Amino acid sequence: MSKPKVFEKPTGVKDYLPEAVVKLRAIENNVLQCMDRWGYREIITPTLEFYDTVGVASSTEDRKLFKLLDRNGTTLVMRSDVTAPIARVVASLLKEQPFPIRLSYHANVFRAFESEAGRDAEFFQTGVELVGDASSESDAEVVALAIASLQAAGVEQFKIALGHVGFLNGLFKETLREHQDAQRSLKECLLNRDYVGYRETIKSLGLPTGVQQELEGILRLRGGQEICSQAKQLTADPTAQQSIAHLCEIWDVLKAYGVSEHVMIDLTMIGDISYYTGMTFEGYAADLGFPVCSGGRYDNLLMHFGRPAPATGFALKTNRILEVVSKRPVEEPKRVLIAYTASSRVEAFLQAKRLREQENAVVETRLIADESIGQATGRLVMTKLDNETYSVGGIVYHDVIEFG
């Protein structure tokens, strides 16, 4: 294997240049401020966790974890999500805090994908966890907050697809009790939006016509509140019926929030997180094929850490949102260049301090020698671009001040 060149980096990771970082930080800050206004307090968890605790409890397949050994031979993992680390904190450092607990976070997470998949090995998430409340009110709260967060991030056109893992589990239990492998195959097809493969798998099972029609019928269960009544007629399984009733309650709360126009019920959606136990949802922005947010209920995760409790939450995929809003202009702060000679250093620095504190300007200082000053004018060599900006050495400033 050849040695990598000094400018190369591992597959799946990116460099973010200053212009992109400005936009990325604006997204993060706006979203975290939105979450704070909803009562969610920010938490920071470590990049490294023990494999035997957080690694095992995480939603990520073992083969997709980045693992390493510490000096004692203990296996560590780089966090693949933030939900499992927060569950650890809630069960330990926050074990005396009463429920419900509302926490927010922003972090980079790591997953080892096949190189030919073209997916990021490191990406950014901004999200919340609401722990200790099993009600439909809490599920609706996180969906409504996801909508508010997408709007705060600058995503203007999007749709939230709302589903429930219990509906499919109940339907498959009723119709495919003896076909466990087929259940897994059908769920995999739905997860990948492979509806042709879904229909072909059903046909290959040789099921009675009525059962086959029942299973194919879920592909039409996408729309508004009317989907709830249609789904209730499709199956009599108690688990599926309870799941639909829960979704109906969530929808009613979202109507009260005034955000149901952004939501559609999609009972083909099962979510790609293994620990989901109830409601799941994904947010899709216009003109982007990948979800920009995802979330759901995970009532069994905290028992792994010794403090059983219901929980629900979501995460925005911040770097994907950057793709959506990256072409939009960002309001630039006032940028000033102060050029000074050695003899005027104190005066120049005092002026720079004043501008930074009082006018919230971005101020750069530059020492100039006599030969850097234009002979005819005694000023720094620069080009006036328009009534408001100047170019000095290819960098644009709103003002240029010279001392000396």
Protein backbone atom coordinates (compact mmCIF):
# COMPACT_ATOMS: atom_id res chain seq x y z
CA MET A 1 0.00 0.00 0.00
CA SER A 2 1.45 3.33 -1.03
CA LYS A 3 2.00 6.10 1.48
CA PRO A 4 -0.67 8.83 1.24
CA LYS A 5 0.45 12.20 -0.06
CA VAL A 6 0.66 15.04 2.42
CA PHE A 7 -2.44 16.79 1.01
CA GLU A 8 -4.63 13.67 0.95
CA LYS A 9 -7.22 12.80 3.59
CA PRO A 10 -9.12 9.58 4.42
CA THR A 11 -12.17 8.63 2.37
CA GLY A 12 -15.43 10.03 3.69
CA VAL A 13 -14.11 13.13 5.48
CA LYS A 14 -14.14 16.74 4.31
CA ASP A 15 -12.38 20.04 4.73
CA TYR A 16 -14.73 22.98 5.27
CA LEU A 17 -13.32 26.27 3.99
CA PRO A 18 -14.06 29.58 5.77
CA GLU A 19 -17.04 30.50 3.57
CA ALA A 20 -18.73 27.14 4.28
CA VAL A 21 -17.90 27.29 7.98
CA VAL A 22 -19.61 30.66 8.31
CA LYS A 23 -22.81 29.15 6.94
CA LEU A 24 -22.46 25.93 8.93
CA ARG A 25 -21.99 27.81 12.21
CA ALA A 26 -24.96 30.04 11.40
CA ILE A 27 -27.14 26.95 10.95
CA GLU A 28 -25.92 25.43 14.20
CA ASN A 29 -26.30 28.59 16.26
CA ASN A 30 -29.77 29.40 14.92
CA VAL A 31 -30.99 25.86 15.54
CA LEU A 32 -29.52 25.62 19.06
CA GLN A 33 -31.09 28.96 19.97
CA CYS A 34 -34.43 27.67 18.70
CA MET A 35 -34.10 24.52 20.81
CA ASP A 36 -33.13 26.59 23.85
CA ARG A 37 -36.33 28.62 23.49
CA TRP A 38 -38.28 25.36 23.66
CA GLY A 39 -36.63 24.47 26.97
CA TYR A 40 -33.87 22.13 25.76
CA ARG A 41 -30.49 22.63 27.44
CA GLU A 42 -27.33 21.85 25.52
CA ILE A 43 -25.09 18.95 26.53
CA ILE A 44 -21.67 17.86 25.24
CA THR A 45 -20.59 14.22 25.39
CA PRO A 46 -17.13 12.81 24.58
CA THR A 47 -16.04 11.74 21.13
CA LEU A 48 -14.78 8.43 22.53
CA GLU A 49 -16.98 5.93 24.40
CA PHE A 50 -16.53 2.37 25.62
CA TYR A 51 -17.57 -0.23 23.05
CA ASP A 52 -19.08 -2.50 25.71
CA THR A 53 -21.49 0.22 26.90
CA VAL A 54 -22.42 2.98 24.47
CA GLY A 55 -21.05 1.16 21.43
CA VAL A 56 -23.18 -1.92 21.99
CA ALA A 57 -26.27 0.16 22.84
CA SER A 58 -25.98 2.46 19.81
CA SER A 59 -28.16 2.17 16.75
CA THR A 60 -25.19 1.58 14.46
CA GLU A 61 -24.30 -1.83 13.09
CA ASP A 62 -21.10 -3.17 14.61
CA ARG A 63 -19.30 -3.23 11.27
CA LYS A 64 -19.97 0.50 10.84
CA LEU A 65 -18.35 1.53 14.13
CA PHE A 66 -14.88 3.07 14.25
CA LYS A 67 -13.07 1.08 16.93
CA LEU A 68 -9.70 1.56 18.59
CA LEU A 69 -7.83 0.18 21.59
CA ASP A 70 -6.57 2.25 24.49
CA ARG A 71 -3.22 1.47 26.20
CA ASN A 72 -4.95 -1.04 28.47
CA GLY A 73 -6.37 -3.00 25.54
CA THR A 74 -9.95 -1.82 26.14
CA THR A 75 -12.03 -1.35 22.99
CA LEU A 76 -13.30 2.17 22.43
CA VAL A 77 -15.56 3.57 19.73
CA MET A 78 -15.87 6.98 18.14
CA ARG A 79 -19.46 8.03 18.78
CA SER A 80 -21.74 6.98 15.93
CA ASP A 81 -24.71 8.91 17.30
CA VAL A 82 -25.39 11.10 20.34
CA THR A 83 -28.58 9.44 21.58
CA ALA A 84 -26.84 6.52 23.28
CA PRO A 85 -24.26 8.75 25.05
CA ILE A 86 -27.09 10.99 26.30
CA ALA A 87 -28.90 7.90 27.60
CA ARG A 88 -25.72 7.05 29.55
CA VAL A 89 -25.59 10.57 31.03
CA VAL A 90 -29.30 10.58 31.96
CA ALA A 91 -28.83 7.28 33.78
CA SER A 92 -25.69 8.39 35.62
CA LEU A 93 -24.81 12.06 36.02
CA LEU A 94 -28.48 13.10 35.82
CA LYS A 95 -29.94 10.15 37.72
CA GLU A 96 -31.25 12.43 40.49
CA GLN A 97 -32.96 14.82 38.07
CA PRO A 98 -36.69 14.15 37.77
CA PHE A 99 -38.37 13.42 34.45
CA PRO A 100 -39.05 14.78 31.94
CA ILE A 101 -35.53 15.81 30.92
CA ARG A 102 -35.01 17.95 27.82
CA LEU A 103 -31.51 18.06 26.31
CA SER A 104 -30.06 19.40 23.06
CA TYR A 105 -26.71 18.80 21.39
CA HIS A 106 -24.51 19.51 18.42
CA ALA A 107 -21.70 17.10 17.57
CA ASN A 108 -19.75 15.37 14.85
CA VAL A 109 -20.40 11.63 14.60
CA PHE A 110 -18.54 8.87 12.80
CA ARG A 111 -19.63 5.83 10.82
CA ALA A 112 -17.51 3.49 8.73
CA PHE A 113 -19.17 3.06 5.34
CA GLU A 114 -17.86 1.19 2.34
CA SER A 115 -15.65 3.52 0.31
CA GLU A 116 -17.62 2.93 -2.90
CA ALA A 117 -20.85 4.06 -1.22
CA GLY A 118 -19.76 7.70 -1.41
CA ARG A 119 -21.16 8.51 2.03
CA ASP A 120 -19.62 10.68 4.72
CA ALA A 121 -17.66 8.91 7.45
CA GLU A 122 -17.83 12.05 9.59
CA PHE A 123 -20.87 14.28 9.67
CA PHE A 124 -22.65 16.75 11.92
CA GLN A 125 -25.87 16.39 13.89
CA THR A 126 -27.87 18.92 15.88
CA GLY A 127 -30.71 17.40 17.87
CA VAL A 128 -32.75 16.95 21.03
CA GLU A 129 -33.82 14.18 23.38
CA LEU A 130 -36.97 14.31 25.50
CA VAL A 131 -36.64 11.63 28.19
CA GLY A 132 -39.26 10.44 30.65
CA ASP A 133 -42.51 11.15 28.81
CA ALA A 134 -44.35 8.37 26.93
CA SER A 135 -47.28 10.47 25.73
CA SER A 136 -48.31 11.42 22.23
CA GLU A 137 -47.87 15.02 23.39
CA SER A 138 -44.10 14.50 23.71
CA ASP A 139 -43.88 12.84 20.30
CA ALA A 140 -45.76 15.75 18.76
CA GLU A 141 -43.52 18.21 20.59
CA VAL A 142 -40.34 16.84 19.04
CA VAL A 143 -41.93 16.78 15.57
CA ALA A 144 -43.08 20.38 15.98
CA LEU A 145 -39.64 21.36 17.25
CA ALA A 146 -38.02 19.60 14.27
CA ILE A 147 -40.17 21.75 12.00
CA ALA A 148 -39.22 24.92 13.90
CA SER A 149 -35.55 23.89 13.78
CA LEU A 150 -35.59 23.34 10.02
CA GLN A 151 -37.13 26.77 9.60
CA ALA A 152 -34.50 28.28 11.91
CA ALA A 153 -31.81 26.58 9.81
CA GLY A 154 -33.12 28.33 6.70
CA VAL A 155 -34.82 25.35 5.02
CA GLU A 156 -37.88 26.87 3.39
CA GLN A 157 -39.53 23.93 1.60
CA PHE A 158 -39.69 20.57 3.33
CA LYS A 159 -42.04 17.78 4.33
CA ILE A 160 -42.08 15.58 7.43
CA ALA A 161 -43.01 11.92 6.80
CA LEU A 162 -44.55 10.39 9.93
CA GLY A 163 -44.78 6.65 10.56
CA HIS A 164 -44.95 4.07 13.34
CA VAL A 165 -42.94 0.85 13.62
CA GLY A 166 -45.77 -0.80 15.57
CA PHE A 167 -48.14 -0.68 12.61
CA LEU A 168 -45.91 -2.77 10.34
CA ASN A 169 -44.94 -5.09 13.17
CA GLY A 170 -48.60 -5.74 13.94
CA LEU A 171 -49.60 -6.15 10.30
CA PHE A 172 -46.75 -8.58 9.59
CA LYS A 173 -47.49 -10.51 12.78
CA GLU A 174 -51.07 -10.93 11.61
CA THR A 175 -50.30 -11.88 8.02
CA LEU A 176 -46.77 -13.34 8.01
CA ARG A 177 -46.43 -15.04 11.39
CA GLU A 178 -44.72 -18.06 9.80
CA HIS A 179 -42.50 -16.04 7.48
CA GLN A 180 -39.88 -14.35 9.65
CA ASP A 181 -37.33 -14.10 6.84
CA ALA A 182 -39.93 -12.55 4.56
CA GLN A 183 -40.76 -9.97 7.21
CA ARG A 184 -37.13 -8.91 7.33
CA SER A 185 -36.92 -8.79 3.53
CA LEU A 186 -40.06 -6.70 3.23
CA LYS A 187 -38.84 -4.24 5.88
CA GLU A 188 -35.53 -3.94 4.05
CA CYS A 189 -37.39 -3.15 0.81
CA LEU A 190 -39.46 -0.46 2.53
CA LEU A 191 -36.38 1.01 4.20
CA ASN A 192 -34.70 1.33 0.80
CA ARG A 193 -37.91 2.56 -0.89
CA ASP A 194 -37.75 -0.48 -3.16
CA TYR A 195 -41.46 -0.87 -3.79
CA VAL A 196 -40.95 -3.11 -6.83
CA GLY A 197 -38.89 -5.50 -4.72
CA TYR A 198 -41.54 -5.31 -2.00
CA ARG A 199 -44.29 -6.43 -4.40
CA GLU A 200 -42.12 -9.16 -5.90
CA THR A 201 -41.28 -10.53 -2.45
CA ILE A 202 -44.98 -10.71 -1.57
CA LYS A 203 -45.80 -12.52 -4.82
CA SER A 204 -43.03 -15.05 -4.22
CA LEU A 205 -44.63 -16.18 -0.93
CA GLY A 206 -47.70 -17.71 -2.55
CA LEU A 207 -50.08 -16.05 -0.08
CA PRO A 208 -53.87 -16.01 -0.41
CA THR A 209 -55.13 -13.22 -2.65
CA GLY A 210 -56.73 -11.34 0.26
CA VAL A 211 -53.52 -11.36 2.31
CA GLN A 212 -51.45 -10.30 -0.68
CA GLN A 213 -53.79 -7.36 -1.32
CA GLU A 214 -53.64 -6.43 2.35
CA LEU A 215 -49.84 -6.30 2.33
CA GLU A 216 -49.69 -4.36 -0.93
CA GLY A 217 -52.30 -1.97 0.43
CA ILE A 218 -49.83 -0.28 2.78
CA LEU A 219 -48.03 1.21 -0.23
CA ARG A 220 -51.06 3.47 -0.64
CA LEU A 221 -51.06 4.58 3.00
CA ARG A 222 -49.42 7.95 2.49
CA GLY A 223 -51.22 11.24 2.92
CA GLY A 224 -53.00 13.33 5.52
CA GLN A 225 -55.19 12.53 8.51
CA GLU A 226 -57.46 10.35 6.35
CA ILE A 227 -54.72 7.70 6.31
CA CYS A 228 -55.48 6.92 9.95
CA SER A 229 -59.01 5.70 9.20
CA GLN A 230 -57.84 3.79 6.11
CA ALA A 231 -55.13 2.01 8.09
CA LYS A 232 -57.57 0.97 10.81
CA GLN A 233 -59.62 -0.85 8.19
CA LEU A 234 -56.61 -2.67 6.77
CA THR A 235 -55.77 -4.78 9.84
CA ALA A 236 -57.41 -5.83 13.09
CA ASP A 237 -54.14 -6.57 14.88
CA PRO A 238 -54.20 -4.88 18.35
CA THR A 239 -50.61 -3.59 18.05
CA ALA A 240 -51.30 -2.05 14.65
CA GLN A 241 -54.57 -0.52 15.90
CA GLN A 242 -52.84 1.02 18.94
CA SER A 243 -50.11 2.41 16.71
CA ILE A 244 -52.62 4.11 14.43
CA ALA A 245 -54.49 5.52 17.41
CA HIS A 246 -51.20 6.98 18.69
CA LEU A 247 -50.47 8.57 15.29
CA CYS A 248 -53.98 10.08 15.25
CA GLU A 249 -53.30 11.66 18.64
CA ILE A 250 -49.97 13.04 17.41
CA TRP A 251 -51.68 14.52 14.36
CA ASP A 252 -54.28 16.27 16.54
CA VAL A 253 -51.52 17.85 18.65
CA LEU A 254 -49.61 18.93 15.53
CA LYS A 255 -52.80 20.61 14.28
CA ALA A 256 -52.94 22.49 17.57
CA TYR A 257 -49.33 23.60 17.01
CA GLY A 258 -50.40 24.83 13.58
CA VAL A 259 -47.78 22.79 11.71
CA SER A 260 -49.74 19.83 10.30
CA GLU A 261 -49.42 21.34 6.80
CA HIS A 262 -45.75 20.30 6.90
CA VAL A 263 -46.55 16.68 7.85
CA MET A 264 -47.74 13.63 5.95
CA ILE A 265 -48.46 10.17 7.35
CA ASP A 266 -46.41 7.49 5.62
CA LEU A 267 -46.97 4.00 7.00
CA THR A 268 -44.35 2.52 4.66
CA MET A 269 -41.68 4.37 6.62
CA ILE A 270 -40.01 2.31 9.34
CA GLY A 271 -36.87 4.35 10.03
CA ASP A 272 -33.28 3.10 9.83
CA ILE A 273 -32.58 3.09 13.57
CA SER A 274 -32.74 -0.31 15.23
CA TYR A 275 -33.84 0.92 18.66
CA TYR A 276 -36.98 2.75 17.52
CA THR A 277 -40.06 1.38 19.28
CA GLY A 278 -42.90 3.65 18.15
CA MET A 279 -43.37 6.83 16.16
CA THR A 280 -40.67 7.58 13.60
CA PHE A 281 -40.26 10.48 11.19
CA GLU A 282 -37.99 11.89 8.52
CA GLY A 283 -37.77 15.38 7.04
CA TYR A 284 -37.11 15.92 3.35
CA ALA A 285 -36.10 19.22 1.77
CA ALA A 286 -37.14 20.12 -1.75
CA ASP A 287 -34.63 19.05 -4.42
CA LEU A 288 -32.57 16.90 -2.04
CA GLY A 289 -32.98 13.14 -2.15
CA PHE A 290 -31.61 12.49 1.33
CA PRO A 291 -33.47 13.24 4.58
CA VAL A 292 -32.28 16.37 6.40
CA CYS A 293 -33.65 15.22 9.75
CA SER A 294 -34.88 12.03 11.37
CA GLY A 295 -36.21 10.99 14.73
CA GLY A 296 -38.53 8.78 16.68
CA ARG A 297 -39.42 7.07 19.93
CA TYR A 298 -36.98 4.67 21.63
CA ASP A 299 -38.49 3.44 24.89
CA ASN A 300 -36.07 0.55 25.49
CA LEU A 301 -32.66 2.23 25.17
CA LEU A 302 -32.29 3.60 28.70
CA MET A 303 -32.78 0.19 30.29
CA HIS A 304 -29.32 -0.70 28.93
CA PHE A 305 -27.93 1.89 31.35
CA GLY A 306 -29.99 0.92 34.38
CA ARG A 307 -32.62 3.68 34.35
CA PRO A 308 -35.57 2.49 32.24
CA ALA A 309 -37.55 5.38 30.83
CA PRO A 310 -39.48 6.26 27.66
CA ALA A 311 -37.76 8.71 25.33
CA THR A 312 -38.18 10.44 22.01
CA GLY A 313 -36.07 12.82 19.95
CA PHE A 314 -34.61 13.79 16.58
CA ALA A 315 -31.44 14.99 14.89
CA LEU A 316 -30.91 17.44 12.06
CA LYS A 317 -28.27 16.38 9.55
CA THR A 318 -26.50 19.73 9.60
CA ASN A 319 -24.06 19.18 6.74
CA ARG A 320 -26.92 18.10 4.45
CA ILE A 321 -28.81 21.27 5.38
CA LEU A 322 -25.67 23.15 4.38
CA GLU A 323 -26.14 21.74 0.86
CA VAL A 324 -29.67 23.16 0.81
CA VAL A 325 -28.82 26.68 1.99
CA SER A 326 -25.22 27.00 0.74
CA LYS A 327 -26.16 29.03 -2.35
CA ARG A 328 -27.99 31.66 -0.33
CA PRO A 329 -26.06 34.81 0.59
CA VAL A 330 -25.00 35.25 4.20
CA GLU A 331 -24.97 38.70 5.74
CA GLU A 332 -21.31 39.58 6.13
CA PRO A 333 -20.17 41.60 9.16
CA LYS A 334 -18.41 44.90 8.60
CA ARG A 335 -14.78 44.07 7.74
CA VAL A 336 -12.11 46.71 8.41
CA LEU A 337 -8.38 46.79 7.70
CA ILE A 338 -6.18 48.95 9.91
CA ALA A 339 -2.72 49.52 8.44
CA TYR A 340 -0.08 50.99 10.74
CA THR A 341 3.61 51.75 10.99
CA ALA A 342 5.69 50.73 13.97
CA SER A 343 5.54 54.21 15.45
CA SER A 344 1.70 54.27 15.39
CA ARG A 345 1.13 50.76 16.72
CA VAL A 346 -0.49 51.77 20.05
CA GLU A 347 -2.93 54.19 18.44
CA ALA A 348 -3.85 51.65 15.73
CA PHE A 349 -4.49 48.85 18.25
CA LEU A 350 -6.70 51.10 20.40
CA GLN A 351 -8.78 51.91 17.33
CA ALA A 352 -9.06 48.21 16.44
CA LYS A 353 -10.23 47.40 19.96
CA ARG A 354 -12.86 50.14 19.86
CA LEU A 355 -14.26 48.95 16.53
CA ARG A 356 -14.43 45.31 17.67
CA GLU A 357 -16.23 46.17 20.90
CA GLN A 358 -18.51 49.05 19.89
CA GLU A 359 -19.35 48.32 16.26
CA ASN A 360 -19.07 44.52 16.33
CA ALA A 361 -16.79 44.71 13.31
CA VAL A 362 -14.25 42.21 12.04
CA VAL A 363 -10.96 44.09 12.24
CA GLU A 364 -7.63 43.01 10.79
CA THR A 365 -4.39 44.85 11.52
CA ARG A 366 -1.36 44.95 9.26
CA LEU A 367 2.10 46.39 9.87
CA ILE A 368 3.35 48.31 6.84
CA ALA A 369 6.83 49.55 6.05
CA ASP A 370 7.57 52.73 4.13
CA GLU A 371 7.98 50.86 0.87
CA SER A 372 4.43 49.48 1.25
CA ILE A 373 2.99 52.97 0.97
CA GLY A 374 2.22 54.47 -2.40
CA GLN A 375 4.79 57.14 -3.18
CA ALA A 376 2.34 59.61 -4.68
CA THR A 377 -0.46 59.47 -2.10
CA GLY A 378 1.18 58.14 1.05
CA ARG A 379 -1.67 55.60 1.36
CA LEU A 380 -1.84 51.81 1.32
CA VAL A 381 -2.12 50.48 -2.22
CA MET A 382 -5.76 49.49 -2.70
CA THR A 383 -8.59 49.45 -5.22
CA LYS A 384 -12.01 50.95 -4.60
CA LEU A 385 -14.61 48.43 -5.77
CA ASP A 386 -17.77 50.47 -5.13
CA ASN A 387 -19.13 53.04 -2.70
CA GLU A 388 -18.80 50.64 0.22
CA THR A 389 -15.90 48.25 -0.38
CA TYR A 390 -12.17 48.25 -1.13
CA SER A 391 -9.79 45.53 -2.28
CA VAL A 392 -6.36 45.21 -0.69
CA GLY A 393 -4.26 42.32 -1.93
CA GLY A 394 -7.37 40.62 -3.29
CA ILE A 395 -9.25 40.77 0.05
CA VAL A 396 -12.40 42.88 0.26
CA TYR A 397 -12.91 45.31 3.17
CA HIS A 398 -15.71 47.73 4.01
CA ASP A 399 -13.22 50.29 5.30
CA VAL A 400 -9.45 50.81 5.32
CA ILE A 401 -7.85 53.00 8.00
CA GLU A 402 -4.18 54.01 7.94
CA PHE A 403 -2.03 55.11 10.84
CA GLY A 404 1.44 56.53 10.38
